[in-house]
C-alpha atoms as a PDB file:
ATOM      1  CA  MET A   1     -13.374  25.495  77.306  1.00  0.00           C
ATOM      2  CA  ILE A   2     -11.464  22.651  74.817  1.00  0.00           C
ATOM      3  CA  GLY A   3      -9.503  24.904  72.468  1.00  0.00           C
ATOM      4  CA  THR A   4      -9.586  28.200  70.756  1.00  0.00           C
ATOM      5  CA  ALA A   5     -10.512  28.712  66.851  1.00  0.00           C
ATOM      6  CA  ALA A   6      -7.673  30.134  64.613  1.00  0.00           C
ATOM      7  CA  GLN A   7      -8.903  33.500  63.644  1.00  0.00           C
ATOM      8  CA  PRO A   8      -9.164  33.857  59.807  1.00  0.00           C
ATOM      9  CA  SER A   9      -7.332  36.724  58.275  1.00  0.00           C
ATOM     10  CA  VAL A  10      -7.859  38.627  55.086  1.00  0.00           C
ATOM     11  CA  TYR A  11      -4.188  37.384  54.259  1.00  0.00           C
ATOM     12  CA  ASP A  12      -4.828  33.416  54.716  1.00  0.00           C
ATOM     13  CA  THR A  13      -5.273  31.047  51.594  1.00  0.00           C
ATOM     14  CA  LEU A  14      -7.847  28.475  51.785  1.00  0.00           C
ATOM     15  CA  ASP A  15      -5.275  26.300  52.780  1.00  0.00           C
ATOM     16  CA  ALA A  16      -4.104  27.563  55.579  1.00  0.00           C
ATOM     17  CA  PRO A  17      -3.287  24.852  58.711  1.00  0.00           C
ATOM     18  CA  ASP A  18      -5.928  25.519  61.792  1.00  0.00           C
ATOM     19  CA  LEU A  19      -2.815  25.797  64.488  1.00  0.00           C
ATOM     20  CA  SER A  20      -5.170  25.183  67.082  1.00  0.00           C
ATOM     21  CA  PRO A  21      -6.421  21.271  66.786  1.00  0.00           C
ATOM     22  CA  ARG A  22      -9.451  20.026  68.333  1.00  0.00           C
ATOM     23  CA  GLY A  23     -10.017  17.950  71.335  1.00  0.00           C
ATOM     24  CA  VAL A  24     -11.594  14.695  71.456  1.00  0.00           C
ATOM     25  CA  LEU A  25     -13.750  12.865  74.475  1.00  0.00           C
ATOM     26  CA  THR A  26     -15.113   9.725  73.613  1.00  0.00           C
ATOM     27  CA  ALA A  27     -17.197   7.843  75.990  1.00  0.00           C
ATOM     28  CA  ILE A  28     -16.714   4.028  75.292  1.00  0.00           C
ATOM     29  CA  ASP A  29     -19.915   2.966  76.292  1.00  0.00           C
ATOM     30  CA  VAL A  30     -22.932   4.858  78.023  1.00  0.00           C
ATOM     31  CA  MET A  31     -22.678   8.389  78.019  1.00  0.00           C
ATOM     32  CA  LYS A  32     -26.051  10.268  80.189  1.00  0.00           C
ATOM     33  CA  TRP A  33     -26.865  13.748  79.645  1.00  0.00           C
ATOM     34  CA  GLU A  34     -29.328  15.297  81.382  1.00  0.00           C
ATOM     35  CA  GLY A  35     -28.450  19.079  80.576  1.00  0.00           C
ATOM     36  CA  GLY A  36     -26.262  22.127  80.350  1.00  0.00           C
ATOM     37  CA  THR A  37     -23.144  23.157  78.322  1.00  0.00           C
ATOM     38  CA  LEU A  38     -20.994  22.042  75.826  1.00  0.00           C
ATOM     39  CA  ARG A  39     -18.445  24.057  74.847  1.00  0.00           C
ATOM     40  CA  GLY A  40     -15.121  24.489  72.756  1.00  0.00           C
ATOM     41  CA  LYS A  41     -13.422  23.668  70.202  1.00  0.00           C
ATOM     42  CA  ALA A  42     -13.870  19.753  70.590  1.00  0.00           C
ATOM     43  CA  ASP A  43     -16.085  16.453  69.372  1.00  0.00           C
ATOM     44  CA  ILE A  44     -17.699  14.603  72.350  1.00  0.00           C
ATOM     45  CA  ILE A  45     -18.192  11.213  71.116  1.00  0.00           C
ATOM     46  CA  ALA A  46     -20.929   8.547  72.289  1.00  0.00           C
ATOM     47  CA  ASN A  47     -19.380   5.388  70.441  1.00  0.00           C
ATOM     48  CA  LYS A  48     -22.275   2.927  71.721  1.00  0.00           C
ATOM     49  CA  THR A  49     -25.181   4.821  73.952  1.00  0.00           C
ATOM     50  CA  LEU A  50     -26.315   8.133  74.007  1.00  0.00           C
ATOM     51  CA  PHE A  51     -29.443   8.945  76.456  1.00  0.00           C
ATOM     52  CA  LEU A  52     -30.098  12.578  76.327  1.00  0.00           C
ATOM     53  CA  PHE A  53     -32.904  13.740  79.220  1.00  0.00           C
ATOM     54  CA  GLY A  54     -33.512  16.230  81.643  1.00  0.00           C
ATOM     55  CA  GLY A  55     -32.997  20.075  81.119  1.00  0.00           C
ATOM     56  CA  THR A  56     -32.429  22.663  78.195  1.00  0.00           C
ATOM     57  CA  LYS A  57     -28.892  21.305  76.277  1.00  0.00           C
ATOM     58  CA  TYR A  58     -26.853  23.700  74.818  1.00  0.00           C
ATOM     59  CA  ILE A  59     -23.849  23.329  71.943  1.00  0.00           C
ATOM     60  CA  ARG A  60     -21.458  26.235  71.313  1.00  0.00           C
ATOM     61  CA  SER A  61     -18.603  27.519  69.982  1.00  0.00           C
ATOM     62  CA  LEU A  62     -17.520  24.829  67.849  1.00  0.00           C
ATOM     63  CA  SER A  63     -18.206  22.085  70.198  1.00  0.00           C
ATOM     64  CA  LYS A  64     -20.147  19.031  68.399  1.00  0.00           C
ATOM     65  CA  LEU A  65     -21.860  15.594  70.120  1.00  0.00           C
ATOM     66  CA  ILE A  66     -21.471  12.860  67.397  1.00  0.00           C
ATOM     67  CA  ASN A  67     -23.873   9.825  68.024  1.00  0.00           C
ATOM     68  CA  LYS A  68     -21.894   6.886  66.565  1.00  0.00           C
ATOM     69  CA  GLY A  69     -24.407   4.426  68.285  1.00  0.00           C
ATOM     70  CA  HIS A  70     -27.916   4.260  69.489  1.00  0.00           C
ATOM     71  CA  ALA A  71     -29.222   7.422  71.184  1.00  0.00           C
ATOM     72  CA  GLU A  72     -32.659   7.780  72.849  1.00  0.00           C
ATOM     73  CA  TRP A  73     -33.857  11.347  73.579  1.00  0.00           C
ATOM     74  CA  SER A  74     -36.474  11.658  76.241  1.00  0.00           C
ATOM     75  CA  GLU A  75     -36.258  15.432  76.751  1.00  0.00           C
ATOM     76  CA  GLY A  76     -35.226  19.072  76.776  1.00  0.00           C
ATOM     77  CA  ASP A  77     -33.929  21.043  73.835  1.00  0.00           C
ATOM     78  CA  ILE A  78     -30.629  20.633  72.121  1.00  0.00           C
ATOM     79  CA  ILE A  79     -29.524  24.523  71.069  1.00  0.00           C
ATOM     80  CA  MET A  80     -26.901  25.222  69.025  1.00  0.00           C
ATOM     81  CA  ALA A  81     -24.991  28.286  68.248  1.00  0.00           C
ATOM     82  CA  ASP A  82     -21.209  29.666  67.071  1.00  0.00           C
ATOM     83  CA  GLN A  83     -20.556  26.623  64.445  1.00  0.00           C
ATOM     84  CA  ALA A  84     -21.559  24.038  67.087  1.00  0.00           C
ATOM     85  CA  ASP A  85     -23.545  20.894  65.680  1.00  0.00           C
ATOM     86  CA  PHE A  86     -24.983  17.538  66.744  1.00  0.00           C
ATOM     87  CA  VAL A  87     -24.233  15.078  64.664  1.00  0.00           C
ATOM     88  CA  ASN A  88     -25.989  11.909  64.293  1.00  0.00           C
ATOM     89  CA  LEU A  89     -24.004   8.674  62.828  1.00  0.00           C
ATOM     90  CA  GLY A  90     -26.397   5.756  64.280  1.00  0.00           C
ATOM     91  CA  THR A  91     -30.106   5.915  65.624  1.00  0.00           C
ATOM     92  CA  VAL A  92     -32.295   8.339  67.239  1.00  0.00           C
ATOM     93  CA  GLN A  93     -34.872   6.867  69.208  1.00  0.00           C
ATOM     94  CA  MET A  94     -37.830   9.219  71.019  1.00  0.00           C
ATOM     95  CA  THR A  95     -37.917   7.595  74.689  1.00  0.00           C
ATOM     96  CA  ASN A  96     -41.187   7.808  75.100  1.00  0.00           C
ATOM     97  CA  GLY A  97     -42.704   7.772  71.171  1.00  0.00           C
ATOM     98  CA  SER A  98     -43.812  10.659  69.481  1.00  0.00           C
ATOM     99  CA  ALA A  99     -46.993  11.526  71.697  1.00  0.00           C
ATOM    100  CA  LEU A 100     -44.868  12.143  74.777  1.00  0.00           C
ATOM    101  CA  PHE A 101     -41.415  13.629  73.145  1.00  0.00           C
ATOM    102  CA  ASN A 102     -40.514  16.864  74.735  1.00  0.00           C
ATOM    103  CA  GLY A 103     -37.396  18.683  73.190  1.00  0.00           C
ATOM    104  CA  ASN A 104     -36.597  20.567  69.696  1.00  0.00           C
ATOM    105  CA  ASN A 105     -33.411  20.747  67.981  1.00  0.00           C
ATOM    106  CA  LEU A 106     -32.558  24.422  67.430  1.00  0.00           C
ATOM    107  CA  VAL A 107     -29.734  26.817  65.683  1.00  0.00           C
ATOM    108  CA  GLU A 108     -29.037  30.178  67.635  1.00  0.00           C
ATOM    109  CA  GLY A 109     -26.787  31.166  64.651  1.00  0.00           C
ATOM    110  CA  THR A 110     -23.886  32.825  66.323  1.00  0.00           C
ATOM    111  CA  ILE A 111     -24.397  34.550  69.804  1.00  0.00           C
ATOM    112  CA  ILE A 112     -22.417  37.947  70.785  1.00  0.00           C
ATOM    113  CA  PRO A 113     -21.114  38.166  74.077  1.00  0.00           C
ATOM    114  CA  VAL A 114     -22.414  40.637  75.999  1.00  0.00           C
ATOM    115  CA  GLU A 115     -21.488  39.633  79.150  1.00  0.00           C
ATOM    116  CA  ASN A 116     -17.595  40.097  77.425  1.00  0.00           C
ATOM    117  CA  GLY A 117     -17.665  43.162  76.392  1.00  0.00           C
ATOM    118  CA  GLY A 118     -19.292  42.547  73.388  1.00  0.00           C
ATOM    119  CA  ASP A 119     -21.052  44.740  71.091  1.00  0.00           C
ATOM    120  CA  PRO A 120     -25.222  44.486  71.762  1.00  0.00           C
ATOM    121  CA  PHE A 121     -25.084  46.517  68.429  1.00  0.00           C
ATOM    122  CA  ALA A 122     -23.365  44.994  66.508  1.00  0.00           C
ATOM    123  CA  LEU A 123     -26.491  42.449  65.407  1.00  0.00           C
ATOM    124  CA  GLN A 124     -27.539  45.617  63.404  1.00  0.00           C
ATOM    125  CA  TYR A 125     -25.075  47.304  62.565  1.00  0.00           C
ATOM    126  CA  HIS A 126     -21.857  45.270  60.452  1.00  0.00           C
ATOM    127  CA  SER A 127     -18.255  46.091  60.040  1.00  0.00           C
ATOM    128  CA  TRP A 128     -19.007  44.866  56.151  1.00  0.00           C
ATOM    129  CA  ASP A 129     -21.749  47.773  56.115  1.00  0.00           C
ATOM    130  CA  LEU A 130     -19.203  50.190  57.340  1.00  0.00           C
ATOM    131  CA  ASP A 131     -16.520  49.143  54.637  1.00  0.00           C
ATOM    132  CA  GLN A 132     -18.454  49.583  51.718  1.00  0.00           C
ATOM    133  CA  GLY A 133     -19.686  52.649  52.609  1.00  0.00           C
ATOM    134  CA  GLY A 134     -23.658  51.281  52.450  1.00  0.00           C
ATOM    135  CA  LEU A 135     -24.554  52.340  56.042  1.00  0.00           C
ATOM    136  CA  ASP A 136     -24.742  55.558  57.858  1.00  0.00           C
ATOM    137  CA  PHE A 137     -23.068  54.734  60.802  1.00  0.00           C
ATOM    138  CA  GLU A 138     -23.151  57.799  62.952  1.00  0.00           C
ATOM    139  CA  GLU A 139     -26.352  56.595  65.055  1.00  0.00           C
ATOM    140  CA  TYR A 140     -24.102  53.334  65.674  1.00  0.00           C
ATOM    141  CA  VAL A 141     -20.751  55.266  67.041  1.00  0.00           C
ATOM    142  CA  ARG A 142     -23.988  57.663  68.827  1.00  0.00           C
ATOM    143  CA  LEU A 143     -24.882  54.528  70.554  1.00  0.00           C
ATOM    144  CA  ARG A 144     -21.913  52.532  71.112  1.00  0.00           C
ATOM    145  CA  THR A 145     -20.218  55.307  72.728  1.00  0.00           C
ATOM    146  CA  LEU A 146     -23.182  55.838  74.833  1.00  0.00           C
ATOM    147  CA  TYR A 147     -23.908  52.335  76.580  1.00  0.00           C
ATOM    148  CA  VAL A 148     -20.780  50.449  75.520  1.00  0.00           C
ATOM    149  CA  SER A 149     -17.783  52.960  75.403  1.00  0.00           C
ATOM    150  CA  ARG A 150     -17.894  54.596  78.682  1.00  0.00           C
ATOM    151  CA  ALA A 151     -14.912  56.351  79.812  1.00  0.00           C
ATOM    152  CA  PRO A 152     -14.178  55.665  83.602  1.00  0.00           C
ATOM    153  CA  VAL A 153     -16.082  58.071  86.055  1.00  0.00           C
ATOM    154  CA  GLY A 154     -13.816  60.966  86.330  1.00  0.00           C
ATOM    155  CA  TRP A 155     -12.270  60.932  83.175  1.00  0.00           C
ATOM    156  CA  THR A 156     -12.909  64.010  80.833  1.00  0.00           C
ATOM    157  CA  GLU A 157     -13.422  63.779  77.129  1.00  0.00           C
ATOM    158  CA  GLU A 158     -10.723  65.086  74.972  1.00  0.00           C
ATOM    159  CA  LEU A 159     -11.643  67.138  71.888  1.00  0.00           C
ATOM    160  CA  ASP A 160      -9.295  68.246  69.373  1.00  0.00           C
ATOM    161  CA  GLY A 161      -6.485  68.006  71.872  1.00  0.00           C
ATOM    162  CA  LYS A 162      -8.610  70.937  74.770  1.00  0.00           C
ATOM    163  CA  VAL A 163     -10.032  69.672  77.824  1.00  0.00           C
END
C-alpha cells in the first residue's frame, strides 16, 4: 500500500491541501500484468506497452493504472473499487479480436473492510440517515451489538451503573 488519503473534515475548506502525496511507479518500456491487486494512493503508469492477461486484476484504494502507450488486453476482468481507476491515454486492443476476448472493466464502488473490523451493516444503515433523524436506528444498534460489538468472553454488561 502506498500512502493513504487525507480524511476530509467538515472544517476543511475546498482548497485544503492533501498532506499525503501520490506515489508513482512508471514502466518505461513494457509492463505485463497477469492478475493480482494494485492498491494504494499511487499512479502505476505504462509509458509504452501494457499487456493485460491472466487472472482477475483488482485496482483498489485510490490506485490508478494509466496507459500512455499501447495496451493489449486478452483476458481477465479489471475490477475497480474505492476511487480506483484505469485511465487510457493511449490505445487499447483486444489481443485476439472481439470473438475471443474474455474480459470486463467493472466498478464495485466502495468496499466495506469487514476483515479489518469494518461494519457489515453500513451498506444498509448509513450515518447520514442517523444524523438527519430519517431512520429508526434501533435495529441497526441491535444487529451491531449482536454481530460486531461483542464484549470479550468473561466481561459483563453494565446497565445504569449496576452489574
